[in-house]
C-alpha cells in the first residue's frame, strides 16, 4: 500500500507499507530539490529516506484519521 503525503498542494513524498508491515517514506524529487523545502519531521531529514520497522512509525500513525476512516485507507 502507498499513500502520497502532501503539504498544502505540494507532493512531499510517498509513504509505503509492505506486506511484512515495514514502512518507508521517500521524498519526491521536486520536494527535495526545491530551495524552500523542509523535512516533514525532524526524524526524517531531507538528506535521506525514512525506513523503520513496525513499531517506530508514530509520526505517520498520528497523521492518519481515526476509527472507520482509518480502516478504509489502511
Protein backbone atom coordinates (compact mmCIF):
# COMPACT_ATOMS: atom_id res chain seq x y z
CA UNK A 1 0.00 0.00 0.00
CA UNK A 2 1.19 3.52 -0.71
CA UNK A 3 -0.06 6.92 0.42
CA UNK A 4 1.01 10.22 -1.06
CA UNK A 5 1.97 12.86 1.53
CA UNK A 6 1.12 16.48 0.68
CA UNK A 7 1.94 19.83 2.25
CA UNK A 8 -0.89 22.07 1.11
CA UNK A 9 -0.98 21.23 -2.61
CA UNK A 10 2.67 20.14 -2.98
CA UNK A 11 3.57 16.48 -3.03
CA UNK A 12 6.18 15.95 -0.30
CA UNK A 13 6.66 12.24 -0.85
CA UNK A 14 5.21 8.76 -0.64
CA UNK A 15 4.70 6.51 2.36
CA UNK A 16 4.88 2.79 1.59
CA UNK A 17 3.70 -0.09 3.78
CA UNK A 18 4.80 -3.57 2.80
CA UNK A 19 3.23 -6.98 3.49
CA UNK A 20 5.58 -7.53 6.43
CA UNK A 21 4.25 -4.24 7.97
CA UNK A 22 7.57 -2.46 7.32
CA UNK A 23 7.09 1.15 6.29
CA UNK A 24 9.27 3.54 4.34
CA UNK A 25 8.98 7.15 3.24
CA UNK A 26 10.57 8.66 0.16
CA UNK A 27 10.61 12.41 -0.53
CA UNK A 28 9.50 13.40 -4.02
CA UNK A 29 12.33 14.70 -6.16
CA UNK A 30 10.52 18.03 -6.69
CA UNK A 31 10.09 18.49 -2.93
CA UNK A 32 13.67 17.60 -2.05
CA UNK A 33 15.19 19.75 -4.82
CA UNK A 34 13.24 22.94 -4.05
CA UNK A 35 15.15 25.62 -2.13
CA UNK A 36 12.27 26.32 0.28
CA UNK A 37 11.52 22.68 1.11
CA UNK A 38 11.89 21.34 4.64
CA UNK A 39 11.80 17.95 6.37
CA UNK A 40 8.28 16.83 7.26
CA UNK A 41 9.67 15.62 10.60
CA UNK A 42 12.94 16.09 12.46
CA UNK A 43 13.29 12.32 12.40
CA UNK A 44 13.08 12.25 8.57
CA UNK A 45 15.80 14.54 7.18
CA UNK A 46 15.73 15.68 3.56
CA UNK A 47 19.17 14.15 3.06
CA UNK A 48 17.84 10.60 3.21
CA UNK A 49 14.82 8.38 3.17
CA UNK A 50 12.99 7.11 6.22
CA UNK A 51 12.77 3.39 6.82
CA UNK A 52 11.72 1.80 10.08
CA UNK A 53 10.24 -1.36 11.46
CA UNK A 54 6.68 -1.91 12.54
CA UNK A 55 6.91 -0.31 15.98
CA UNK A 56 8.56 3.02 15.21
CA UNK A 57 6.08 4.75 12.92
CA UNK A 58 4.31 7.04 15.40
CA UNK A 59 4.88 10.17 13.30
CA UNK A 60 2.82 8.78 10.42
CA UNK A 61 0.31 6.95 12.63
CA UNK A 62 -0.50 10.24 14.33
CA UNK A 63 -1.38 11.84 10.97
CA UNK A 64 -3.90 9.19 9.94
CA UNK A 65 -7.62 9.53 10.69
CA UNK A 66 -9.23 7.51 13.48
CA UNK A 67 -11.67 4.58 13.56
CA UNK A 68 -13.66 3.75 10.40
CA UNK A 69 -11.90 6.29 8.20
CA UNK A 70 -8.55 4.76 9.15
CA UNK A 71 -9.83 1.25 8.36
CA UNK A 72 -10.90 2.47 4.92
CA UNK A 73 -7.44 3.69 3.92
CA UNK A 74 -5.36 1.12 5.80
